Amino acid sequence: MEDNPRAEPRSGAPDNPSRRAALRRVGAGGLATVLLARGLTSATAQDATPGATPGATGDYMAVRTYDLVPGSSVDELIGLIESGYVPIVTQVPGFVEYFIMIEGNEKLVAVNIFADAAGAEETSRLAADFVAQNLARFFLGPPVAVVGEARIHHEAP
């Protein structure tokens, strides 16, 4: 087995690369394209409704892609997300992981992973509220948002 310097170990599994490393390899546009092509539910974040699929198990994802206002300070935006939204999303029941990817200085992709559908759906509502109150000046409009169950997930042995 070759070492992959780009792969980051997951806690408790030092030989397995994290989802973060996999997302870096795929890229923001690639991830959004794959998720949309797999037929996940598509809606604007404002249309997402909190709710649960009782007894559902597995990983659920909420992915939002925003177009950035030209000339926006990505560092300022990331700082606001880190200090304001991250403490909110990490308290949602079922929270697993949260990623932000910047594609050039044109797009921001937020990836939320939850243990259940209710958490993934709730994060879209919370994100819409947080963006409207704190981040609207950074984005050209509402995001393209997809929420759905991760149907294929592989990690390196």
Protein backbone atom coordinates (compact mmCIF):
# COMPACT_ATOMS: atom_id res chain seq x y z
CA MET A 1 0.00 0.00 0.00
CA GLU A 2 1.42 3.38 -1.01
CA ASP A 3 1.27 6.36 1.30
CA ASN A 4 -1.00 9.15 0.14
CA PRO A 5 0.35 12.45 1.48
CA ARG A 6 -2.95 14.20 0.64
CA ALA A 7 -5.09 11.79 2.65
CA GLU A 8 -5.83 12.83 6.19
CA PRO A 9 -6.43 10.14 8.82
CA ARG A 10 -9.83 9.92 10.43
CA SER A 11 -9.80 9.78 14.19
CA GLY A 12 -9.70 6.17 15.32
CA ALA A 13 -8.74 4.94 11.85
CA PRO A 14 -5.20 6.16 11.08
CA ASP A 15 -4.92 4.28 7.77
CA ASN A 16 -8.22 5.53 6.30
CA PRO A 17 -8.33 8.84 4.44
CA SER A 18 -11.03 11.22 5.56
CA ARG A 19 -13.99 12.36 3.52
CA ARG A 20 -12.24 15.73 3.50
CA ALA A 21 -9.31 14.27 1.54
CA ALA A 22 -11.70 12.61 -0.90
CA LEU A 23 -13.59 15.88 -1.40
CA ARG A 24 -10.33 17.68 -2.11
CA ARG A 25 -9.50 15.16 -4.84
CA VAL A 26 -12.96 15.45 -6.47
CA GLY A 27 -13.23 19.24 -6.25
CA ALA A 28 -16.23 21.43 -5.59
CA GLY A 29 -17.72 21.28 -9.06
CA GLY A 30 -17.16 17.55 -9.33
CA LEU A 31 -18.89 16.82 -6.04
CA ALA A 32 -21.91 18.96 -6.88
CA THR A 33 -22.14 17.35 -10.33
CA VAL A 34 -21.99 13.83 -8.91
CA LEU A 35 -24.64 14.57 -6.30
CA LEU A 36 -26.98 16.19 -8.81
CA ALA A 37 -26.46 13.35 -11.31
CA ARG A 38 -27.36 10.77 -8.65
CA GLY A 39 -30.86 12.25 -8.45
CA LEU A 40 -30.74 13.74 -4.97
CA THR A 41 -33.56 16.09 -4.03
CA SER A 42 -32.85 19.55 -5.41
CA ALA A 43 -34.25 22.75 -3.93
CA THR A 44 -33.19 26.18 -2.81
CA ALA A 45 -32.15 26.26 0.83
CA GLN A 46 -35.23 28.33 1.64
CA ASP A 47 -37.47 25.50 0.37
CA ALA A 48 -35.94 22.79 2.55
CA THR A 49 -38.22 21.62 5.32
CA PRO A 50 -37.12 20.12 8.60
CA GLY A 51 -38.49 16.68 9.15
CA ALA A 52 -37.45 13.15 9.70
CA THR A 53 -37.62 9.83 8.04
CA PRO A 54 -38.23 7.75 11.18
CA GLY A 55 -35.77 4.93 11.66
CA ALA A 56 -33.55 5.99 8.76
CA THR A 57 -29.89 5.09 9.09
CA GLY A 58 -26.75 5.88 7.14
CA ASP A 59 -25.06 9.08 6.08
CA TYR A 60 -27.14 11.94 4.77
CA MET A 61 -25.69 14.95 3.03
CA ALA A 62 -26.78 18.52 2.49
CA VAL A 63 -24.72 20.30 -0.15
CA ARG A 64 -25.17 23.98 -1.00
CA THR A 65 -23.34 25.76 -3.82
CA TYR A 66 -23.20 29.56 -3.72
CA ASP A 67 -21.96 32.00 -6.36
CA LEU A 68 -19.69 34.55 -4.71
CA VAL A 69 -19.96 38.29 -5.34
CA PRO A 70 -16.87 39.27 -7.33
CA GLY A 71 -14.24 40.87 -5.11
CA SER A 72 -15.65 39.38 -1.89
CA SER A 73 -13.14 38.64 0.84
CA VAL A 74 -13.07 34.86 1.03
CA ASP A 75 -11.01 35.04 4.24
CA GLU A 76 -13.61 37.26 5.90
CA LEU A 77 -16.41 34.97 4.72
CA ILE A 78 -14.66 31.86 6.04
CA GLY A 79 -14.03 33.58 9.37
CA LEU A 80 -17.72 34.46 9.72
CA ILE A 81 -18.77 30.91 8.89
CA GLU A 82 -16.23 29.44 11.31
CA SER A 83 -17.19 31.72 14.20
CA GLY A 84 -20.94 31.95 13.54
CA TYR A 85 -22.37 29.01 11.62
CA VAL A 86 -20.08 26.16 12.67
CA PRO A 87 -21.11 26.41 16.35
CA ILE A 88 -24.75 26.19 15.22
CA VAL A 89 -24.45 23.26 12.80
CA THR A 90 -22.32 21.16 15.14
CA GLN A 91 -25.14 21.21 17.71
CA VAL A 92 -27.72 19.68 15.33
CA PRO A 93 -28.49 16.10 16.41
CA GLY A 94 -26.81 13.58 14.11
CA PHE A 95 -24.01 15.95 13.05
CA VAL A 96 -21.00 14.09 11.60
CA GLU A 97 -18.89 16.48 9.50
CA TYR A 98 -18.93 19.90 7.85
CA PHE A 99 -16.76 21.14 4.97
CA ILE A 100 -16.37 24.37 3.08
CA MET A 101 -14.72 24.33 -0.32
CA ILE A 102 -13.87 27.37 -2.41
CA GLU A 103 -13.70 26.93 -6.16
CA GLY A 104 -11.43 29.70 -7.37
CA ASN A 105 -12.89 32.89 -5.98
CA GLU A 106 -16.21 32.25 -7.71
CA LYS A 107 -18.06 29.53 -5.80
CA LEU A 108 -18.41 28.31 -2.24
CA VAL A 109 -19.62 24.77 -1.64
CA ALA A 110 -20.82 23.76 1.83
CA VAL A 111 -21.02 20.03 2.56
CA ASN A 112 -22.85 18.83 5.67
CA ILE A 113 -22.88 15.16 6.66
CA PHE A 114 -25.36 13.80 9.17
CA ALA A 115 -26.29 10.41 10.57
CA ASP A 116 -29.96 10.97 9.71
CA ALA A 117 -32.16 12.74 7.20
CA ALA A 118 -33.63 15.11 9.78
CA GLY A 119 -30.24 16.64 10.54
CA ALA A 120 -29.36 17.06 6.88
CA GLU A 121 -32.68 18.75 6.20
CA GLU A 122 -32.50 20.94 9.31
CA THR A 123 -29.06 22.23 8.32
CA SER A 124 -30.51 23.68 5.11
CA ARG A 125 -33.05 25.69 7.10
CA LEU A 126 -30.39 26.85 9.56
CA ALA A 127 -28.00 27.79 6.76
CA ALA A 128 -30.69 29.80 4.94
CA ASP A 129 -31.42 31.74 8.13
CA PHE A 130 -27.73 32.32 8.92
CA VAL A 131 -26.92 33.44 5.38
CA ALA A 132 -29.89 35.83 5.26
CA GLN A 133 -28.90 37.42 8.58
CA ASN A 134 -25.10 37.45 8.25
CA LEU A 135 -23.70 36.55 4.84
CA ALA A 136 -26.06 37.72 2.08
CA ARG A 137 -23.59 40.41 0.91
CA PHE A 138 -21.11 37.68 -0.10
CA PHE A 139 -23.47 35.77 -2.44
CA LEU A 140 -25.13 36.62 -5.76
CA GLY A 141 -28.35 34.83 -4.81
CA PRO A 142 -29.71 31.71 -3.18
CA PRO A 143 -27.65 28.54 -3.42
CA VAL A 144 -28.30 25.44 -5.42
CA ALA A 145 -29.00 22.94 -2.66
CA VAL A 146 -29.25 19.16 -2.64
CA VAL A 147 -30.19 16.96 0.30
CA GLY A 148 -30.11 13.20 0.17
CA GLU A 149 -28.81 9.89 1.37
CA ALA A 150 -25.22 8.95 0.55
CA ARG A 151 -25.75 5.72 -1.39
CA ILE A 152 -22.12 4.87 -2.14
CA HIS A 153 -19.26 5.53 0.24
CA HIS A 154 -15.84 3.89 -0.01
CA GLU A 155 -12.71 4.50 1.98
CA ALA A 156 -9.22 3.26 1.31
CA PRO A 157 -8.36 0.04 3.14
